[in-house]
Amino acid sequence: MKMEERRIPSSDGKHELYCRVYFPEGEPKGLFHVVHGMTEYIARYERFMQTMAENGFVCYGFDNLGHGKTANDESELGYIGGWQFLVKDAQNVSRLFKIEFGEALPCVLLGHSMGSFIARCAANPQIWDKIVVMGTGGPNPASAVGLRMIKNLIKIKGERAYAPSIEKMVFGSYNKRFKDEDDKLSWLSTGKELRDNYRADKYCAFHFTVSAYYDLIKLQMLCNSKTWFKNVSSDIKFFLVSGSDDPVGDYGKGVTKVYKALKQNGKNVQMKLYPGCRHEILNDFSKDEVTGDVLKFASQFSN
């Protein structure tokens, strides 16, 4: 198993996506694409991606626009420039890998958190056979109000401005269940060391711009709309995975709503909640179990 770094042009026409590719020994049995979440970067998934490669997959992923090494400098961290680019980049990169390794190879997509919204919006049966939806959220009636607030702030402050009020609106209640731990990041994981490392990492400890919050909420609304549930292809197999104590998924309730809506619309979907785990289930005490479950799902090509 080896890792290779690549630069791939973004659909925004301005940036090159920093991409990591993990190759298996011998002929690959499939392709596996990882889309990371908000205020993080693809190298945080190294352990998981190595495991997928060791089990026969060409596993790849890139730093999204406004994140990690795709940003030209630290001043660009937290500014995306349009939710459409996030969706197009995911589709375009997997198309390139299918061309490189063969259209016949099964292709699986995993999106975590914001990446789960990107993955759901990008879902295309001509690219991916299966999609792992990790740490996702369900419909939120406050989203439309939030978008209107953000539009007004963009007019007043500009799209690259920071707005603590929006950050509080989005994340203000996430730590409510864990407030006795006296750590604002307790909702991320049960592991204090992981939270400390996240806090100290310049590629995690940055703020979203107001326009990036617009992009985030727009993605969340689109993939939870009745239109999306109706029109997303029935040829794609979905696997929803989340921690039972993840506030992004409303402690399992939001994830269950997504599962039921997909089922009601005749889609092929399964779901698993991991008891006691929080948002980053690939970094929580569930990481080995989650990795095994995802690998099993990805490797079952006959059903």
Protein backbone atom coordinates (compact mmCIF):
# COMPACT_ATOMS: atom_id res chain seq x y z
CA MET A 1 0.00 0.00 0.00
CA LYS A 2 1.37 3.41 -0.99
CA MET A 3 0.11 6.99 -0.78
CA GLU A 4 0.43 9.60 -3.50
CA GLU A 5 -0.29 13.33 -3.37
CA ARG A 6 -1.91 14.96 -6.39
CA ARG A 7 -3.19 18.36 -7.48
CA ILE A 8 -6.48 18.36 -9.42
CA PRO A 9 -8.12 21.50 -10.86
CA SER A 10 -11.24 22.61 -8.97
CA SER A 11 -14.48 23.37 -10.76
CA ASP A 12 -14.19 26.96 -9.48
CA GLY A 13 -11.45 27.56 -12.04
CA LYS A 14 -9.22 29.19 -9.42
CA HIS A 15 -7.85 26.47 -7.18
CA GLU A 16 -6.12 23.13 -7.34
CA LEU A 17 -7.55 20.52 -5.01
CA TYR A 18 -4.99 18.88 -2.75
CA CYS A 19 -5.72 15.17 -3.17
CA ARG A 20 -4.42 12.06 -1.41
CA VAL A 21 -4.59 8.64 -3.05
CA TYR A 22 -3.97 5.35 -1.23
CA PHE A 23 -3.23 2.40 -3.52
CA PRO A 24 -3.70 -1.28 -2.70
CA GLU A 25 -1.16 -3.95 -3.53
CA GLY A 26 -2.15 -5.75 -6.70
CA GLU A 27 -5.22 -5.11 -8.80
CA PRO A 28 -7.89 -2.93 -7.10
CA LYS A 29 -11.32 -4.38 -6.47
CA GLY A 30 -13.00 -0.99 -6.32
CA LEU A 31 -12.72 2.77 -5.87
CA PHE A 32 -13.52 4.53 -2.60
CA HIS A 33 -13.93 8.32 -2.39
CA VAL A 34 -13.90 10.15 0.98
CA VAL A 35 -15.38 13.66 1.38
CA HIS A 36 -14.40 15.34 4.65
CA GLY A 37 -16.50 17.64 6.82
CA MET A 38 -16.50 21.30 7.80
CA THR A 39 -13.29 22.85 9.19
CA GLU A 40 -11.12 19.77 8.80
CA TYR A 41 -9.09 18.14 6.01
CA ILE A 42 -8.53 14.84 4.25
CA ALA A 43 -5.32 13.82 6.07
CA ARG A 44 -7.42 13.32 9.23
CA TYR A 45 -8.85 10.23 7.50
CA GLU A 46 -5.48 8.59 6.90
CA ARG A 47 -6.02 5.58 9.18
CA PHE A 48 -9.39 4.83 7.61
CA MET A 49 -8.14 5.36 4.04
CA GLN A 50 -5.12 3.13 4.63
CA THR A 51 -7.44 0.37 5.84
CA MET A 52 -9.61 0.67 2.74
CA ALA A 53 -6.50 0.45 0.54
CA GLU A 54 -5.18 -2.54 2.47
CA ASN A 55 -8.49 -4.23 1.67
CA GLY A 56 -8.24 -3.72 -2.08
CA PHE A 57 -9.67 -0.24 -2.75
CA VAL A 58 -8.03 2.71 -4.45
CA CYS A 59 -9.03 5.18 -1.73
CA TYR A 60 -8.86 8.90 -2.44
CA GLY A 61 -10.09 12.25 -1.20
CA PHE A 62 -9.17 15.92 -1.29
CA ASP A 63 -9.25 19.04 0.83
CA ASN A 64 -12.46 20.88 -0.06
CA LEU A 65 -12.40 24.50 -1.20
CA GLY A 66 -11.63 26.77 1.75
CA HIS A 67 -9.96 23.90 3.62
CA GLY A 68 -6.54 22.44 4.22
CA LYS A 69 -3.91 22.59 1.50
CA THR A 70 -6.44 23.47 -1.20
CA ALA A 71 -6.59 26.97 0.28
CA ASN A 72 -3.78 29.08 -1.20
CA ASP A 73 -3.02 30.55 2.22
CA GLU A 74 -4.57 30.79 5.69
CA SER A 75 -6.63 33.84 4.69
CA GLU A 76 -8.69 31.56 2.42
CA LEU A 77 -9.58 29.07 5.16
CA GLY A 78 -13.32 29.16 5.73
CA TYR A 79 -14.25 30.73 2.38
CA ILE A 80 -15.74 28.35 -0.22
CA GLY A 81 -17.16 30.55 -2.97
CA GLY A 82 -20.24 28.50 -3.78
CA TRP A 83 -21.82 25.22 -2.69
CA GLN A 84 -22.13 24.11 -6.32
CA PHE A 85 -18.34 23.85 -6.59
CA LEU A 86 -18.22 21.40 -3.66
CA VAL A 87 -20.71 19.14 -5.42
CA LYS A 88 -19.06 19.43 -8.84
CA ASP A 89 -15.59 18.78 -7.41
CA ALA A 90 -16.77 15.53 -5.80
CA GLN A 91 -18.32 14.37 -9.05
CA ASN A 92 -15.45 15.45 -11.27
CA VAL A 93 -12.72 13.85 -9.17
CA SER A 94 -14.46 10.48 -9.05
CA ARG A 95 -15.05 10.66 -12.80
CA LEU A 96 -11.31 11.15 -13.28
CA PHE A 97 -10.52 8.11 -11.15
CA LYS A 98 -13.06 6.00 -13.03
CA ILE A 99 -11.39 6.98 -16.29
CA GLU A 100 -7.96 6.14 -14.85
CA PHE A 101 -8.84 2.78 -13.30
CA GLY A 102 -11.76 1.61 -15.41
CA GLU A 103 -15.49 2.33 -15.57
CA ALA A 104 -16.27 -1.27 -14.61
CA LEU A 105 -14.78 -0.97 -11.12
CA PRO A 106 -17.40 -0.48 -8.38
CA CYS A 107 -17.20 3.02 -6.90
CA VAL A 108 -18.21 3.97 -3.35
CA LEU A 109 -18.56 7.46 -1.88
CA LEU A 110 -18.35 8.38 1.81
CA GLY A 111 -19.26 11.83 3.07
CA HIS A 112 -18.92 12.91 6.69
CA SER A 113 -20.90 15.79 8.26
CA MET A 114 -20.85 18.65 5.72
CA GLY A 115 -19.35 16.05 3.42
CA SER A 116 -22.50 13.97 3.90
CA PHE A 117 -24.57 16.86 2.54
CA ILE A 118 -22.16 17.18 -0.39
CA ALA A 119 -22.34 13.44 -1.05
CA ARG A 120 -26.13 13.39 -0.95
CA CYS A 121 -26.41 16.38 -3.30
CA ALA A 122 -23.79 14.90 -5.64
CA ALA A 123 -25.38 11.41 -5.74
CA ASN A 124 -25.14 10.14 -9.31
CA PRO A 125 -25.58 6.45 -10.23
CA GLN A 126 -23.32 6.90 -13.26
CA ILE A 127 -20.47 7.65 -10.86
CA TRP A 128 -21.16 5.83 -7.59
CA ASP A 129 -22.75 2.48 -6.84
CA LYS A 130 -22.94 3.06 -3.09
CA ILE A 131 -22.86 6.02 -0.73
CA VAL A 132 -21.97 5.98 2.97
CA VAL A 133 -23.72 8.91 4.66
CA MET A 134 -21.83 9.57 7.90
CA GLY A 135 -22.71 12.06 10.64
CA THR A 136 -25.51 13.62 8.63
CA GLY A 137 -28.46 15.75 9.68
CA GLY A 138 -32.13 15.69 8.81
CA PRO A 139 -34.60 18.43 7.90
CA ASN A 140 -34.35 21.59 9.98
CA PRO A 141 -37.25 24.07 9.89
CA ALA A 142 -34.91 26.88 11.02
CA SER A 143 -32.70 26.56 7.93
CA ALA A 144 -34.77 28.86 5.72
CA VAL A 145 -34.72 31.59 8.37
CA GLY A 146 -30.99 31.13 8.74
CA LEU A 147 -30.42 31.59 5.02
CA ARG A 148 -32.35 34.85 5.04
CA MET A 149 -30.28 36.12 7.96
CA ILE A 150 -27.06 35.20 6.19
CA LYS A 151 -28.12 36.90 2.95
CA ASN A 152 -28.69 40.11 4.87
CA LEU A 153 -25.32 39.81 6.60
CA ILE A 154 -23.57 39.26 3.26
CA LYS A 155 -25.14 42.48 1.95
CA ILE A 156 -24.00 44.39 5.04
CA LYS A 157 -20.61 42.86 5.81
CA GLY A 158 -19.55 41.09 2.61
CA GLU A 159 -19.28 37.39 1.85
CA ARG A 160 -15.86 36.95 3.46
CA ALA A 161 -16.87 38.44 6.82
CA TYR A 162 -17.11 36.45 10.04
CA ALA A 163 -20.29 36.48 12.10
CA PRO A 164 -20.26 35.01 15.63
CA SER A 165 -24.07 35.26 15.65
CA ILE A 166 -24.34 32.75 12.78
CA GLU A 167 -21.80 30.43 14.38
CA LYS A 168 -23.82 30.50 17.59
CA MET A 169 -27.04 29.86 15.68
CA VAL A 170 -25.56 26.77 14.00
CA PHE A 171 -23.54 25.31 16.88
CA GLY A 172 -25.02 26.96 19.97
CA SER A 173 -26.99 23.94 21.16
CA TYR A 174 -24.54 21.20 20.16
CA ASN A 175 -22.84 20.99 23.54
CA LYS A 176 -26.01 21.16 25.59
CA ARG A 177 -25.96 17.46 26.44
CA PHE A 178 -22.27 17.57 27.43
CA LYS A 179 -22.05 20.88 29.28
CA ASP A 180 -20.87 19.16 32.48
CA GLU A 181 -17.60 18.32 30.68
CA ASP A 182 -16.64 22.02 30.44
CA ASP A 183 -15.40 21.68 26.85
CA LYS A 184 -17.14 23.41 23.95
CA LEU A 185 -15.98 20.64 21.61
CA SER A 186 -17.34 17.75 23.67
CA TRP A 187 -19.96 17.09 20.98
CA LEU A 188 -17.21 16.09 18.52
CA SER A 189 -15.98 12.98 20.33
CA THR A 190 -15.76 11.29 23.70
CA GLY A 191 -11.95 11.49 23.43
CA LYS A 192 -10.40 14.54 25.11
CA GLU A 193 -7.04 14.08 23.34
CA LEU A 194 -8.73 14.17 19.94
CA ARG A 195 -10.57 17.36 20.86
CA ASP A 196 -7.34 18.97 22.09
CA ASN A 197 -5.56 18.03 18.86
CA TYR A 198 -8.44 19.44 16.82
CA ARG A 199 -8.33 22.70 18.75
CA ALA A 200 -4.56 23.05 18.23
CA ASP A 201 -4.65 22.28 14.49
CA LYS A 202 -4.59 25.39 12.27
CA TYR A 203 -6.51 23.46 9.60
CA CYS A 204 -9.36 22.85 12.06
CA ALA A 205 -9.28 25.87 14.37
CA PHE A 206 -10.62 28.43 11.92
CA HIS A 207 -14.00 30.08 11.41
CA PHE A 208 -16.38 29.86 8.47
CA THR A 209 -17.19 33.05 6.59
CA VAL A 210 -20.84 34.10 6.35
CA SER A 211 -20.99 32.93 2.73
CA ALA A 212 -19.57 29.53 3.70
CA TYR A 213 -22.37 29.18 6.23
CA TYR A 214 -24.76 29.97 3.39
CA ASP A 215 -23.18 27.16 1.36
CA LEU A 216 -23.42 24.74 4.30
CA ILE A 217 -27.07 25.46 5.06
CA LYS A 218 -28.01 25.43 1.37
CA LEU A 219 -26.53 21.95 0.97
CA GLN A 220 -28.35 20.80 4.11
CA MET A 221 -31.67 22.10 2.80
CA LEU A 222 -31.26 20.68 -0.70
CA CYS A 223 -30.49 17.13 0.42
CA ASN A 224 -33.38 17.14 2.90
CA SER A 225 -35.98 18.46 0.47
CA LYS A 226 -38.90 16.32 -0.67
CA THR A 227 -37.59 16.73 -4.21
CA TRP A 228 -34.25 15.17 -3.31
CA PHE A 229 -35.77 12.16 -1.57
CA LYS A 230 -38.08 11.60 -4.54
CA ASN A 231 -35.54 12.07 -7.32
CA VAL A 232 -32.32 10.56 -5.94
CA SER A 233 -31.58 7.39 -7.88
CA SER A 234 -32.94 4.08 -6.62
CA ASP A 235 -29.88 2.42 -8.17
CA ILE A 236 -27.62 3.80 -5.44
CA LYS A 237 -27.32 1.83 -2.20
CA PHE A 238 -27.15 4.05 0.90
CA PHE A 239 -25.68 3.27 4.32
CA LEU A 240 -26.43 5.84 7.05
CA VAL A 241 -24.05 5.72 10.01
CA SER A 242 -24.00 8.03 13.01
CA GLY A 243 -23.30 8.23 16.71
CA SER A 244 -26.37 8.00 18.92
CA ASP A 245 -25.07 11.06 20.81
CA ASP A 246 -24.33 13.15 17.72
CA PRO A 247 -26.19 16.49 17.91
CA VAL A 248 -25.77 17.03 14.13
CA GLY A 249 -28.12 14.09 13.65
CA ASP A 250 -30.33 15.20 16.55
CA TYR A 251 -29.10 12.25 18.62
CA GLY A 252 -30.27 9.75 16.02
CA LYS A 253 -33.68 11.34 15.39
CA GLY A 254 -32.59 13.34 12.35
CA VAL A 255 -30.71 10.39 10.86
CA THR A 256 -33.79 8.22 11.34
CA LYS A 257 -35.90 10.81 9.51
CA VAL A 258 -33.52 10.64 6.55
CA TYR A 259 -33.65 6.83 6.64
CA LYS A 260 -37.46 6.75 6.74
CA ALA A 261 -37.80 9.32 3.95
CA LEU A 262 -35.50 7.29 1.72
CA LYS A 263 -37.41 4.10 2.54
CA GLN A 264 -40.77 5.75 1.87
CA ASN A 265 -39.50 6.83 -1.53
CA GLY A 266 -38.45 3.30 -2.44
CA LYS A 267 -34.68 3.72 -2.06
CA ASN A 268 -32.19 1.03 -1.07
CA VAL A 269 -31.00 2.13 2.37
CA GLN A 270 -29.74 0.73 5.65
CA MET A 271 -28.82 2.50 8.88
CA LYS A 272 -26.74 1.93 12.00
CA LEU A 273 -26.37 4.11 15.10
CA TYR A 274 -23.40 3.59 17.41
CA PRO A 275 -24.47 3.82 21.08
CA GLY A 276 -22.71 6.47 23.15
CA CYS A 277 -20.67 7.83 20.24
CA ARG A 278 -20.72 11.45 19.20
CA HIS A 279 -20.08 13.23 15.90
CA GLU A 280 -16.72 11.91 14.67
CA ILE A 281 -17.43 8.19 14.79
CA LEU A 282 -14.23 7.40 12.85
CA ASN A 283 -12.28 8.98 15.72
CA ASP A 284 -14.44 7.88 18.65
CA PHE A 285 -14.24 4.56 20.50
CA SER A 286 -16.41 3.19 17.69
CA LYS A 287 -13.74 3.69 15.01
CA ASP A 288 -12.84 0.02 14.48
CA GLU A 289 -16.45 -1.11 14.42
CA VAL A 290 -17.42 1.69 12.03
CA THR A 291 -14.49 0.93 9.73
CA GLY A 292 -15.43 -2.75 9.68
CA ASP A 293 -19.08 -2.01 8.93
CA VAL A 294 -18.22 0.41 6.12
CA LEU A 295 -15.72 -2.04 4.63
CA LYS A 296 -18.31 -4.82 4.69
CA PHE A 297 -20.92 -2.59 3.02
CA ALA A 298 -18.46 -1.40 0.38
CA SER A 299 -17.22 -4.92 -0.40
CA GLN A 300 -20.61 -6.53 -1.01
CA PHE A 301 -20.92 -5.94 -4.73
CA SER A 302 -23.45 -8.67 -5.51
CA ASN A 303 -26.38 -7.36 -3.42
